[in-house]
Protein backbone atom coordinates (compact mmCIF):
# COMPACT_ATOMS: atom_id res chain seq x y z
CA MET A 1 0.00 0.00 0.00
CA LEU A 2 2.80 2.44 0.89
CA LEU A 3 4.58 1.71 -2.38
CA TYR A 4 1.40 2.41 -4.32
CA SER A 5 0.90 5.66 -2.40
CA LEU A 6 4.48 6.68 -3.25
CA ILE A 7 3.99 5.88 -6.94
CA ILE A 8 0.71 7.83 -7.06
CA ALA A 9 2.31 10.83 -5.34
CA PHE A 10 5.05 11.00 -7.98
CA ALA A 11 2.63 10.25 -10.82
CA MET A 12 0.36 13.09 -9.71
CA TYR A 13 2.86 15.74 -8.67
CA SER A 14 5.79 15.10 -10.99
CA ALA A 15 6.62 14.34 -14.61
CA ILE A 16 8.89 11.46 -13.58
CA PRO A 17 7.70 8.24 -15.29
CA MET A 18 6.03 5.86 -12.84
CA PRO A 19 4.56 2.35 -13.11
CA ARG A 20 0.82 2.15 -13.65
CA VAL A 21 -1.21 1.51 -10.51
CA GLU A 22 -4.90 1.79 -9.73
CA TRP A 23 -5.83 5.19 -8.31
CA SER A 24 -8.15 3.74 -5.73
CA GLU A 25 -8.90 5.35 -2.38
CA LYS A 26 -6.97 2.55 -0.71
CA ASN A 27 -3.85 3.10 -2.83
CA MET A 28 -4.05 6.89 -2.45
CA ARG A 29 -4.39 6.62 1.32
CA PHE A 30 -0.93 7.89 2.22
CA SER A 31 0.08 9.67 -1.00
CA LEU A 32 0.39 13.11 0.65
CA CYS A 33 2.92 11.62 3.08
CA PHE A 34 5.30 11.20 0.14
CA PHE A 35 4.59 14.58 -1.46
CA PRO A 36 7.77 16.24 -0.04
CA LEU A 37 9.87 13.56 -1.76
CA VAL A 38 8.94 15.15 -5.09
CA GLY A 39 10.64 18.28 -3.78
CA ALA A 40 13.63 16.18 -2.73
CA ALA A 41 13.91 14.95 -6.32
CA ALA A 42 13.83 18.54 -7.63
CA GLY A 43 16.43 19.62 -5.07
CA ALA A 44 18.69 16.69 -5.93
CA VAL A 45 18.55 17.51 -9.65
CA CYS A 46 19.34 21.16 -8.84
CA ILE A 47 22.44 20.12 -6.88
CA PHE A 48 23.51 17.78 -9.68
CA TRP A 49 23.07 20.51 -12.30
CA ASN A 50 24.93 23.03 -10.15
CA ARG A 51 27.91 20.69 -9.73
CA PHE A 52 27.84 19.57 -13.36
CA SER A 53 27.68 23.13 -14.71
CA ASP A 54 30.63 24.16 -12.54
CA PHE A 55 32.62 21.13 -13.68
CA SER A 56 31.82 21.58 -17.37
CA GLY A 57 32.23 25.36 -17.40
CA VAL A 58 28.64 26.26 -18.31
CA GLU A 59 28.17 30.02 -18.41
CA SER A 60 26.49 31.54 -15.36
CA ILE A 61 23.39 32.82 -17.19
CA ALA A 62 22.66 29.37 -18.64
CA LYS A 63 23.31 27.74 -15.27
CA ILE A 64 20.93 30.13 -13.46
CA CYS A 65 18.14 29.91 -16.04
CA ILE A 66 18.19 26.12 -16.03
CA LEU A 67 18.27 26.05 -12.21
CA SER A 68 15.12 28.18 -12.19
CA VAL A 69 13.22 25.85 -14.51
CA ILE A 70 14.36 22.48 -13.12
CA PRO A 71 11.45 22.40 -10.61
CA LEU A 72 9.09 23.22 -13.48
CA MET A 73 10.45 20.32 -15.54
CA ILE A 74 10.39 17.89 -12.61
CA THR A 75 6.77 18.72 -11.74
CA GLY A 76 5.57 18.93 -15.31
CA GLY A 77 4.18 22.39 -14.62
CA ILE A 78 1.34 21.26 -12.34
CA HIS A 79 2.11 23.91 -9.71
CA ALA A 80 2.71 26.60 -12.34
CA ASP A 81 -0.74 25.80 -13.69
CA GLY A 82 -2.16 26.42 -10.23
CA PHE A 83 -0.19 29.65 -9.96
CA VAL A 84 -1.51 31.13 -13.23
CA ASP A 85 -5.10 30.07 -12.49
CA THR A 86 -4.85 31.67 -9.05
CA MET A 87 -3.42 34.89 -10.45
CA ASP A 88 -6.31 35.15 -12.91
CA ALA A 89 -8.85 34.49 -10.16
CA VAL A 90 -7.33 36.91 -7.64
CA HIS A 91 -6.99 39.73 -10.17
CA SER A 92 -10.51 39.27 -11.46
CA TRP A 93 -11.90 41.00 -8.34
CA GLN A 94 -15.04 38.90 -8.71
CA ALA A 95 -17.24 37.26 -6.08
CA GLN A 96 -16.08 34.07 -4.38
CA LYS A 97 -18.18 31.77 -6.56
CA LYS A 98 -16.89 33.38 -9.77
CA LYS A 99 -13.29 33.07 -8.57
CA LEU A 100 -13.75 29.35 -8.05
CA GLU A 101 -15.09 29.10 -11.60
CA ILE A 102 -12.02 30.93 -12.92
CA LEU A 103 -9.77 28.46 -11.09
CA LYS A 104 -11.39 25.63 -13.04
CA ASP A 105 -11.15 27.46 -16.38
CA SER A 106 -8.42 25.94 -18.58
CA HIS A 107 -7.79 29.29 -20.32
CA ILE A 108 -5.35 31.86 -18.97
CA GLY A 109 -5.68 35.63 -19.04
CA ALA A 110 -3.32 38.57 -19.24
CA PHE A 111 -2.75 38.76 -15.49
CA ALA A 112 -1.65 35.12 -15.41
CA VAL A 113 0.99 35.74 -18.09
CA ILE A 114 2.20 38.97 -16.49
CA MET A 115 2.50 37.48 -13.00
CA LEU A 116 4.24 34.33 -14.26
CA LEU A 117 6.77 36.50 -16.11
CA ILE A 118 7.36 38.60 -12.99
CA TYR A 119 7.68 35.44 -10.91
CA TYR A 120 10.44 33.90 -13.02
CA LEU A 121 12.31 37.18 -13.37
CA CYS A 122 12.32 37.42 -9.56
CA MET A 123 13.35 33.77 -9.22
CA ILE A 124 16.23 34.18 -11.68
CA ALA A 125 17.31 37.34 -9.86
CA ALA A 126 17.29 35.56 -6.49
CA ILE A 127 19.15 32.49 -7.76
CA SER A 128 21.76 34.66 -9.48
CA GLU A 129 22.69 36.13 -6.08
CA ILE A 130 22.98 32.80 -4.25
CA LYS A 131 26.58 31.82 -3.58
CA PHE A 132 26.42 28.15 -4.50
CA GLY A 133 30.09 27.76 -3.65
CA TRP A 134 28.90 27.96 -0.03
CA THR A 135 27.67 24.41 0.65
CA VAL A 136 25.16 25.63 3.24
CA ALA A 137 23.45 27.83 0.64
CA GLU A 138 23.32 25.01 -1.90
CA ALA A 139 21.83 22.60 0.65
CA ALA A 140 19.31 25.17 1.92
CA PHE A 141 18.22 25.94 -1.65
CA ALA A 142 17.66 22.23 -2.33
CA LEU A 143 15.81 21.72 0.98
CA SER A 144 13.47 24.60 0.18
CA PHE A 145 11.70 22.42 -2.40
CA VAL A 146 11.05 19.76 0.23
CA TYR A 147 9.94 22.27 2.87
CA SER A 148 7.55 24.10 0.54
CA ARG A 149 5.70 20.85 -0.24
CA ALA A 150 5.64 19.75 3.38
CA LEU A 151 4.04 23.08 4.31
CA ALA A 152 1.57 22.91 1.42
CA GLY A 153 0.55 19.39 2.42
CA THR A 154 0.15 20.49 6.04
CA ALA A 155 -2.07 23.40 5.02
CA LEU A 156 -4.14 21.09 2.83
CA VAL A 157 -4.87 18.47 5.51
CA PHE A 158 -5.51 21.03 8.27
CA GLY A 159 -7.39 23.60 6.20
CA ASN A 160 -10.91 23.55 4.79
CA SER A 161 -11.56 22.56 1.18
CA ALA A 162 -13.38 25.05 -1.01
CA ARG A 163 -15.01 22.20 -2.95
CA LYS A 164 -16.01 18.69 -1.96
CA GLU A 165 -14.52 17.39 -5.17
CA GLY A 166 -11.28 17.42 -7.14
CA LEU A 167 -7.96 15.71 -6.67
CA ALA A 168 -6.81 18.00 -3.86
CA TYR A 169 -9.87 17.12 -1.81
CA THR A 170 -9.47 13.44 -2.66
CA PHE A 171 -5.79 13.36 -1.72
CA ALA A 172 -6.44 15.20 1.53
CA LYS A 173 -9.45 13.18 2.66
CA ALA A 174 -8.88 9.75 1.10
CA GLY A 175 -6.41 8.50 3.66
CA ASP A 176 -6.04 8.11 7.38
CA LEU A 177 -6.13 11.84 8.17
CA ARG A 178 -4.48 11.47 11.57
CA ILE A 179 -1.48 9.57 10.21
CA VAL A 180 -1.12 11.92 7.22
CA ARG A 181 -1.25 14.99 9.48
CA VAL A 182 1.37 13.59 11.87
CA THR A 183 3.63 12.57 8.98
CA LEU A 184 3.49 16.01 7.38
CA ILE A 185 4.21 17.70 10.70
CA VAL A 186 7.24 15.41 11.05
CA TRP A 187 8.32 16.52 7.58
CA ASP A 188 7.95 20.18 8.65
CA ILE A 189 10.01 19.62 11.79
CA ALA A 190 12.65 17.61 9.95
CA CYS A 191 13.09 20.30 7.29
CA ALA A 192 13.26 23.12 9.84
CA SER A 193 15.72 21.13 11.97
CA ALA A 194 17.95 20.39 8.97
CA LEU A 195 17.96 24.06 8.00
CA CYS A 196 18.79 25.09 11.58
CA TYR A 197 21.62 22.57 11.58
CA LEU A 198 23.02 24.12 8.41
CA ASP A 199 22.78 27.63 9.84
CA LEU A 200 20.78 28.47 12.97
CA LYS A 201 19.76 32.00 12.00
CA MET A 202 18.79 31.01 8.48
CA GLY A 203 16.90 27.96 9.77
CA ILE A 204 14.90 30.07 12.22
CA THR A 205 14.13 32.54 9.43
CA PHE A 206 12.89 29.68 7.25
CA LEU A 207 10.76 28.36 10.13
CA LEU A 208 9.16 31.74 10.87
CA ALA A 209 8.61 32.47 7.18
CA GLY A 210 7.02 29.04 6.69
CA MET A 211 4.66 29.48 9.64
CA LEU A 212 3.63 32.95 8.50
CA LEU A 213 3.12 31.73 4.95
CA VAL A 214 0.80 28.92 6.02
CA LEU A 215 -1.22 31.13 8.36
CA ARG A 216 -1.52 33.89 5.77
CA PHE A 217 -2.37 31.37 3.07
CA LEU A 218 -5.14 29.71 5.09
CA ARG A 219 -6.62 33.06 6.07
CA HIS A 220 -6.49 34.51 2.56
CA THR A 221 -7.92 31.43 0.81
CA LYS A 222 -10.71 31.18 3.38
CA LYS A 223 -11.67 34.80 2.72
CA GLU A 224 -11.25 34.88 -1.06
CA PHE A 225 -12.23 31.33 -2.07
CA GLY A 226 -13.96 29.76 0.91
CA GLY A 227 -11.15 27.26 1.40
CA LEU A 228 -8.39 25.39 -0.40
CA THR A 229 -8.13 23.84 -3.85
CA GLY A 230 -5.32 22.09 -5.69
CA ASP A 231 -4.63 25.22 -7.76
CA LEU A 232 -4.27 27.34 -4.62
CA CYS A 233 -1.84 24.84 -3.10
CA GLY A 234 0.18 24.89 -6.32
CA CYS A 235 0.35 28.68 -6.10
CA PHE A 236 1.45 28.39 -2.47
CA ILE A 237 4.33 26.08 -3.41
CA MET A 238 5.52 28.45 -6.14
CA MET A 239 5.42 31.44 -3.80
CA ALA A 240 7.14 29.53 -0.99
CA GLU A 241 9.95 28.47 -3.34
CA LEU A 242 10.50 32.07 -4.38
CA ILE A 243 10.46 33.41 -0.81
CA PHE A 244 12.82 30.70 0.40
CA SER A 245 15.21 31.43 -2.49
CA VAL A 246 15.20 35.10 -1.49
CA ILE A 247 15.99 34.13 2.11
CA VAL A 248 18.98 32.07 0.99
CA CYS A 249 20.07 34.96 -1.24
CA VAL A 250 19.90 37.44 1.65
CA PHE A 251 21.91 35.22 3.98
CA CYS A 252 24.53 34.72 1.29
CA HIS A 253 25.13 38.47 1.39
CA LEU A 254 24.91 38.84 5.16
CA LEU A 255 27.29 36.00 6.07
């Protein structure tokens, strides 16, 4: 059962090829417990690319641009899809019901394109200022992909769903909620502890930023959408990755 849950987690949240398994409620029971491992895969590929580009003499601009899109390639764009849908919904200034309809709309508007462009320009800017020669910065950058998913999963299983349908609702409610909640909290603690071990001040900053992000996210989605959806969680992950990259960037300049 655990193996099937792992396979479904990677099949749903990544573009990494996985064996075919039945997406039954039983097999999906613990899928969210393995969600942060998708971030671990993205972080591992980022470290590999960073080391490979240094070894092979890849120019810095190419190295930075590819680092910024590796998470997009690993996930197959599922979280970016949530980000653009959320940007369209938020900037529509419509009523709650209409915003939920916009989230489900497969088309994207001008605000989605503009905000996605701004997002990646900011991400490239942040990554370009990270001193990857400092092992702590490289490790913290890689861990940020794990931590962002652990926080998103935690918000999903503790928050209220905006709709009683959809994959986000199914993933959150299909399994043993108590075990999934405890597992995701353990992931949160493990990530924060690892970051504190790397650098105490940076780890505490990550911890505080993560807590504030989750609280703000739950409050905002409750007000604007009536709860959480998969698209909103995807947007949360994208924003968390950007904020965490900025934190690493700042500490690279302070230390």
